[in-house]
C-alpha cells in the first residue's frame, strides 16, 4: 500500500496570533491555484470556476484555512513553492497534517 500524500493547512492566523486580512484571502489563494488539477481532469465545462482538489479553502474550528495537498509539489513544483511563499511572506501559521475520512459506520 502506498502512502497517501500529506496536506499542509495554511491558517488565517499570523504567527503573532492575529486574524489575517482580507477576510476572503483563502478563496483568493485557492482561486489562483484552481487551474492545477490531476491529469485528465483539467478541462471541462465550468472547470474555471471550481477549486483545484490540491488547494481548497475551508473553515476549521472557526479559522479560515487553505488545505494544500502535497501532490501539488509533484504536479507543479513552482505552484507548491508559491503557496508556501505566500504563507511565509504573510507570516501565517502552517500545520503539517492530514484530513481523516469520516467514519461512516459510527453514524
N, C-alpha and C. Protein backbone atom coordinates (compact mmCIF):
# COMPACT_ATOMS: atom_id res chain seq x y z
N UNK A 1 0.85 -1.17 0.00
CA UNK A 1 0.00 0.00 0.00
C UNK A 1 0.90 1.24 0.00
N UNK A 2 0.65 2.15 -0.91
CA UNK A 2 1.46 3.37 -0.97
C UNK A 2 0.89 4.42 -0.02
N UNK A 3 1.78 5.25 0.50
CA UNK A 3 1.35 6.30 1.42
C UNK A 3 0.60 7.39 0.67
N UNK A 4 -0.45 7.89 1.28
CA UNK A 4 -1.21 8.98 0.67
C UNK A 4 -0.43 10.28 0.84
N UNK A 5 -0.54 11.18 -0.10
CA UNK A 5 0.12 12.46 0.06
C UNK A 5 -0.40 13.18 1.30
N UNK A 6 0.49 13.88 1.94
CA UNK A 6 0.09 14.67 3.11
C UNK A 6 -0.50 16.00 2.67
N UNK A 7 -0.97 16.72 3.64
CA UNK A 7 -1.53 18.03 3.39
C UNK A 7 -0.93 19.03 4.37
N UNK A 8 -0.85 20.27 3.92
CA UNK A 8 -0.49 21.33 4.83
C UNK A 8 -1.71 22.23 4.96
N UNK A 9 -1.91 22.75 6.15
CA UNK A 9 -3.01 23.65 6.42
C UNK A 9 -2.41 25.02 6.65
N UNK A 10 -2.69 25.94 5.73
CA UNK A 10 -2.27 27.33 5.91
C UNK A 10 -3.42 28.01 6.63
N UNK A 11 -3.17 28.44 7.84
CA UNK A 11 -4.22 29.00 8.67
C UNK A 11 -4.25 30.52 8.55
N UNK A 12 -5.42 31.07 8.64
CA UNK A 12 -5.61 32.52 8.55
C UNK A 12 -5.31 33.23 9.85
N UNK A 13 -4.26 32.79 10.52
CA UNK A 13 -3.81 33.39 11.77
C UNK A 13 -2.31 33.61 11.63
N UNK A 14 -1.86 34.83 11.94
CA UNK A 14 -0.43 35.12 11.82
C UNK A 14 0.34 34.46 12.97
N UNK A 15 1.64 34.44 12.84
CA UNK A 15 2.49 33.87 13.88
C UNK A 15 2.32 34.63 15.20
N UNK A 16 1.88 35.88 15.12
CA UNK A 16 1.63 36.69 16.32
C UNK A 16 0.22 36.50 16.87
N UNK A 17 -0.60 35.66 16.19
CA UNK A 17 -1.93 35.35 16.68
C UNK A 17 -3.04 36.25 16.17
N UNK A 18 -2.75 37.12 15.22
CA UNK A 18 -3.78 38.00 14.66
C UNK A 18 -4.47 37.32 13.48
N UNK A 19 -5.76 37.66 13.28
CA UNK A 19 -6.52 37.16 12.14
C UNK A 19 -5.98 37.82 10.87
N UNK A 20 -5.72 37.02 9.86
CA UNK A 20 -5.18 37.54 8.60
C UNK A 20 -6.29 38.19 7.79
N UNK A 21 -5.97 39.29 7.16
CA UNK A 21 -6.89 40.03 6.31
C UNK A 21 -6.31 40.15 4.91
N UNK A 22 -7.11 40.25 3.88
CA UNK A 22 -8.56 40.44 3.87
C UNK A 22 -9.29 39.16 4.23
N UNK A 23 -10.55 39.29 4.54
CA UNK A 23 -11.32 38.15 5.02
C UNK A 23 -11.52 37.06 3.96
N UNK A 24 -11.37 37.40 2.68
CA UNK A 24 -11.53 36.40 1.61
C UNK A 24 -10.19 35.87 1.08
N UNK A 25 -9.14 35.99 1.88
CA UNK A 25 -7.81 35.57 1.43
C UNK A 25 -7.78 34.10 0.99
N UNK A 26 -8.47 33.23 1.72
CA UNK A 26 -8.42 31.78 1.41
C UNK A 26 -9.06 31.50 0.05
N UNK A 27 -10.17 32.12 -0.22
CA UNK A 27 -10.84 31.93 -1.51
C UNK A 27 -9.99 32.50 -2.65
N UNK A 28 -9.34 33.62 -2.40
CA UNK A 28 -8.47 34.22 -3.42
C UNK A 28 -7.29 33.31 -3.74
N UNK A 29 -6.62 32.82 -2.69
CA UNK A 29 -5.46 31.94 -2.91
C UNK A 29 -5.89 30.66 -3.63
N UNK A 30 -6.96 30.04 -3.17
CA UNK A 30 -7.44 28.81 -3.82
C UNK A 30 -7.88 29.09 -5.25
N UNK A 31 -8.45 30.27 -5.49
CA UNK A 31 -8.87 30.63 -6.85
C UNK A 31 -7.68 30.73 -7.80
N UNK A 32 -6.60 31.32 -7.33
CA UNK A 32 -5.38 31.43 -8.15
C UNK A 32 -4.86 30.04 -8.50
N UNK A 33 -5.01 29.09 -7.60
CA UNK A 33 -4.48 27.74 -7.80
C UNK A 33 -5.48 26.82 -8.50
N UNK A 34 -6.65 27.31 -8.90
CA UNK A 34 -7.71 26.45 -9.44
C UNK A 34 -7.35 25.73 -10.73
N UNK A 35 -6.37 26.22 -11.46
CA UNK A 35 -6.02 25.57 -12.73
C UNK A 35 -5.18 24.30 -12.55
N UNK A 36 -4.67 24.06 -11.35
CA UNK A 36 -3.85 22.87 -11.12
C UNK A 36 -4.74 21.71 -10.71
N UNK A 37 -4.84 20.75 -11.62
CA UNK A 37 -5.75 19.62 -11.44
C UNK A 37 -5.03 18.32 -11.77
N UNK A 38 -5.56 17.21 -11.31
CA UNK A 38 -4.96 15.91 -11.67
C UNK A 38 -4.98 15.71 -13.18
N UNK A 39 -4.04 14.95 -13.70
CA UNK A 39 -4.04 14.65 -15.14
C UNK A 39 -5.39 14.07 -15.56
N UNK A 40 -5.88 14.53 -16.71
CA UNK A 40 -7.16 14.05 -17.21
C UNK A 40 -8.35 14.79 -16.64
N UNK A 41 -8.12 15.70 -15.71
CA UNK A 41 -9.20 16.44 -15.05
C UNK A 41 -8.99 17.94 -15.22
N UNK A 42 -8.37 18.34 -16.30
CA UNK A 42 -8.01 19.74 -16.48
C UNK A 42 -9.04 20.55 -17.23
N UNK A 43 -9.73 19.95 -18.13
CA UNK A 43 -10.68 20.71 -18.95
C UNK A 43 -12.09 20.32 -18.59
N UNK A 44 -13.00 21.01 -19.17
CA UNK A 44 -14.39 20.66 -18.97
C UNK A 44 -15.22 21.88 -18.67
N UNK A 45 -16.48 21.75 -18.90
CA UNK A 45 -17.42 22.83 -18.69
C UNK A 45 -17.40 23.26 -17.22
N UNK A 46 -17.17 24.51 -16.99
CA UNK A 46 -17.18 25.03 -15.62
C UNK A 46 -15.90 24.80 -14.84
N UNK A 47 -14.88 24.24 -15.47
CA UNK A 47 -13.66 23.94 -14.72
C UNK A 47 -12.97 25.20 -14.22
N UNK A 48 -13.23 26.33 -14.86
CA UNK A 48 -12.60 27.57 -14.44
C UNK A 48 -13.22 28.15 -13.17
N UNK A 49 -14.34 27.61 -12.72
CA UNK A 49 -14.98 28.15 -11.53
C UNK A 49 -14.96 27.16 -10.36
N UNK A 50 -14.20 26.10 -10.48
CA UNK A 50 -14.07 25.13 -9.39
C UNK A 50 -12.66 25.21 -8.81
N UNK A 51 -12.55 24.94 -7.53
CA UNK A 51 -11.24 24.90 -6.90
C UNK A 51 -10.51 23.63 -7.31
N UNK A 52 -9.21 23.71 -7.30
CA UNK A 52 -8.38 22.54 -7.53
C UNK A 52 -8.53 21.60 -6.34
N UNK A 53 -8.52 20.29 -6.57
CA UNK A 53 -8.55 19.37 -5.42
C UNK A 53 -7.26 19.44 -4.61
N UNK A 54 -6.23 20.09 -5.14
CA UNK A 54 -4.95 20.21 -4.45
C UNK A 54 -4.87 21.44 -3.55
N UNK A 55 -5.82 22.34 -3.65
CA UNK A 55 -5.74 23.60 -2.90
C UNK A 55 -7.16 24.11 -2.66
N UNK A 56 -7.70 23.84 -1.48
CA UNK A 56 -9.10 24.18 -1.22
C UNK A 56 -9.24 25.01 0.06
N UNK A 57 -10.13 26.00 0.02
CA UNK A 57 -10.39 26.79 1.24
C UNK A 57 -11.36 26.03 2.14
N UNK A 58 -11.15 26.17 3.43
CA UNK A 58 -12.02 25.56 4.43
C UNK A 58 -12.03 26.43 5.68
N UNK A 59 -13.05 26.26 6.49
CA UNK A 59 -13.07 26.85 7.82
C UNK A 59 -12.99 25.68 8.79
N UNK A 60 -11.97 25.69 9.62
CA UNK A 60 -11.75 24.61 10.58
C UNK A 60 -11.69 25.22 11.98
N UNK A 61 -12.60 24.80 12.82
CA UNK A 61 -12.71 25.35 14.18
C UNK A 61 -12.78 26.87 14.17
N UNK A 62 -13.52 27.42 13.21
CA UNK A 62 -13.72 28.85 13.13
C UNK A 62 -12.57 29.64 12.51
N UNK A 63 -11.55 28.94 12.02
CA UNK A 63 -10.39 29.60 11.42
C UNK A 63 -10.36 29.30 9.92
N UNK A 64 -10.28 30.37 9.11
CA UNK A 64 -10.14 30.16 7.67
C UNK A 64 -8.79 29.53 7.39
N UNK A 65 -8.80 28.55 6.50
CA UNK A 65 -7.59 27.83 6.13
C UNK A 65 -7.59 27.56 4.64
N UNK A 66 -6.43 27.24 4.13
CA UNK A 66 -6.32 26.66 2.80
C UNK A 66 -5.58 25.35 2.99
N UNK A 67 -6.20 24.28 2.51
CA UNK A 67 -5.59 22.95 2.62
C UNK A 67 -4.90 22.68 1.29
N UNK A 68 -3.59 22.45 1.36
CA UNK A 68 -2.80 22.23 0.16
C UNK A 68 -2.26 20.80 0.20
N UNK A 69 -2.62 20.03 -0.81
CA UNK A 69 -2.20 18.64 -0.90
C UNK A 69 -0.78 18.58 -1.43
N UNK A 70 0.04 17.75 -0.80
CA UNK A 70 1.44 17.61 -1.19
C UNK A 70 1.61 17.11 -2.63
N UNK A 71 0.57 16.51 -3.20
CA UNK A 71 0.64 16.05 -4.59
C UNK A 71 0.88 17.22 -5.55
N UNK A 72 0.53 18.44 -5.12
CA UNK A 72 0.78 19.61 -5.95
C UNK A 72 2.26 19.79 -6.22
N UNK A 73 3.09 19.40 -5.26
CA UNK A 73 4.55 19.53 -5.41
C UNK A 73 5.05 18.71 -6.59
N UNK A 74 4.48 17.52 -6.79
CA UNK A 74 4.87 16.66 -7.91
C UNK A 74 4.31 17.18 -9.23
N UNK A 75 3.07 17.67 -9.20
CA UNK A 75 2.41 18.16 -10.40
C UNK A 75 3.06 19.44 -10.91
N UNK A 76 3.27 20.39 -10.00
CA UNK A 76 3.85 21.69 -10.38
C UNK A 76 4.62 22.28 -9.20
N UNK A 77 5.93 22.00 -9.14
CA UNK A 77 6.75 22.48 -8.01
C UNK A 77 6.69 23.99 -7.79
N UNK A 78 6.56 24.77 -8.85
CA UNK A 78 6.50 26.23 -8.69
C UNK A 78 5.20 26.65 -8.00
N UNK A 79 4.13 25.97 -8.27
CA UNK A 79 2.86 26.27 -7.60
C UNK A 79 2.96 25.94 -6.11
N UNK A 80 3.58 24.82 -5.80
CA UNK A 80 3.81 24.43 -4.40
C UNK A 80 4.63 25.51 -3.68
N UNK A 81 5.70 25.94 -4.31
CA UNK A 81 6.54 26.99 -3.72
C UNK A 81 5.78 28.30 -3.57
N UNK A 82 4.89 28.58 -4.52
CA UNK A 82 4.09 29.80 -4.45
C UNK A 82 3.24 29.83 -3.19
N UNK A 83 2.53 28.74 -2.89
CA UNK A 83 1.66 28.74 -1.71
C UNK A 83 2.48 28.78 -0.42
N UNK A 84 3.63 28.09 -0.42
CA UNK A 84 4.49 28.14 0.77
C UNK A 84 5.06 29.54 0.96
N UNK A 85 5.44 30.18 -0.13
CA UNK A 85 5.96 31.55 -0.05
C UNK A 85 4.88 32.52 0.42
N UNK A 86 3.65 32.31 -0.04
CA UNK A 86 2.54 33.15 0.40
C UNK A 86 2.40 33.07 1.92
N UNK A 87 2.42 31.85 2.44
CA UNK A 87 2.29 31.66 3.89
C UNK A 87 3.48 32.29 4.63
N UNK A 88 4.66 32.06 4.14
CA UNK A 88 5.87 32.59 4.78
C UNK A 88 5.89 34.12 4.73
N UNK A 89 5.63 34.69 3.55
CA UNK A 89 5.66 36.15 3.39
C UNK A 89 4.63 36.86 4.25
N UNK A 90 3.50 36.21 4.49
CA UNK A 90 2.44 36.81 5.30
C UNK A 90 2.47 36.35 6.75
N UNK A 91 3.51 35.60 7.10
CA UNK A 91 3.71 35.10 8.46
C UNK A 91 2.50 34.36 9.00
N UNK A 92 1.96 33.47 8.14
CA UNK A 92 0.80 32.68 8.53
C UNK A 92 1.24 31.37 9.17
N UNK A 93 0.42 30.88 10.07
CA UNK A 93 0.70 29.60 10.71
C UNK A 93 0.43 28.48 9.71
N UNK A 94 1.34 27.51 9.67
CA UNK A 94 1.22 26.37 8.76
C UNK A 94 1.33 25.10 9.60
N UNK A 95 0.38 24.19 9.37
CA UNK A 95 0.35 22.92 10.10
C UNK A 95 0.47 21.79 9.09
N UNK A 96 1.36 20.87 9.34
CA UNK A 96 1.53 19.69 8.51
C UNK A 96 0.60 18.63 9.07
N UNK A 97 -0.39 18.22 8.29
CA UNK A 97 -1.40 17.29 8.81
C UNK A 97 -2.04 16.52 7.68
N UNK A 98 -3.14 15.88 8.00
CA UNK A 98 -3.91 15.15 7.00
C UNK A 98 -5.34 15.06 7.49
N UNK A 99 -6.29 15.39 6.62
CA UNK A 99 -7.70 15.22 6.97
C UNK A 99 -8.02 13.74 6.96
N UNK A 100 -8.73 13.30 7.95
CA UNK A 100 -9.14 11.91 8.04
C UNK A 100 -10.53 11.76 7.47
N UNK A 101 -10.77 10.65 6.75
CA UNK A 101 -12.14 10.44 6.23
C UNK A 101 -13.10 10.23 7.39
N UNK A 102 -14.36 10.64 7.17
CA UNK A 102 -15.36 10.44 8.21
C UNK A 102 -15.65 8.96 8.37
N UNK A 103 -15.89 8.55 9.61
CA UNK A 103 -16.21 7.16 9.91
C UNK A 103 -17.70 6.96 9.66
N UNK A 104 -18.05 6.32 8.58
CA UNK A 104 -19.45 6.15 8.19
C UNK A 104 -20.15 5.11 9.07
N UNK A 105 -19.41 4.20 9.69
CA UNK A 105 -20.02 3.15 10.50
C UNK A 105 -20.51 3.66 11.85
N UNK A 106 -19.93 4.76 12.34
CA UNK A 106 -20.30 5.24 13.67
C UNK A 106 -21.55 6.11 13.66
N UNK A 107 -22.06 6.43 12.49
CA UNK A 107 -23.23 7.32 12.43
C UNK A 107 -24.52 6.60 12.72
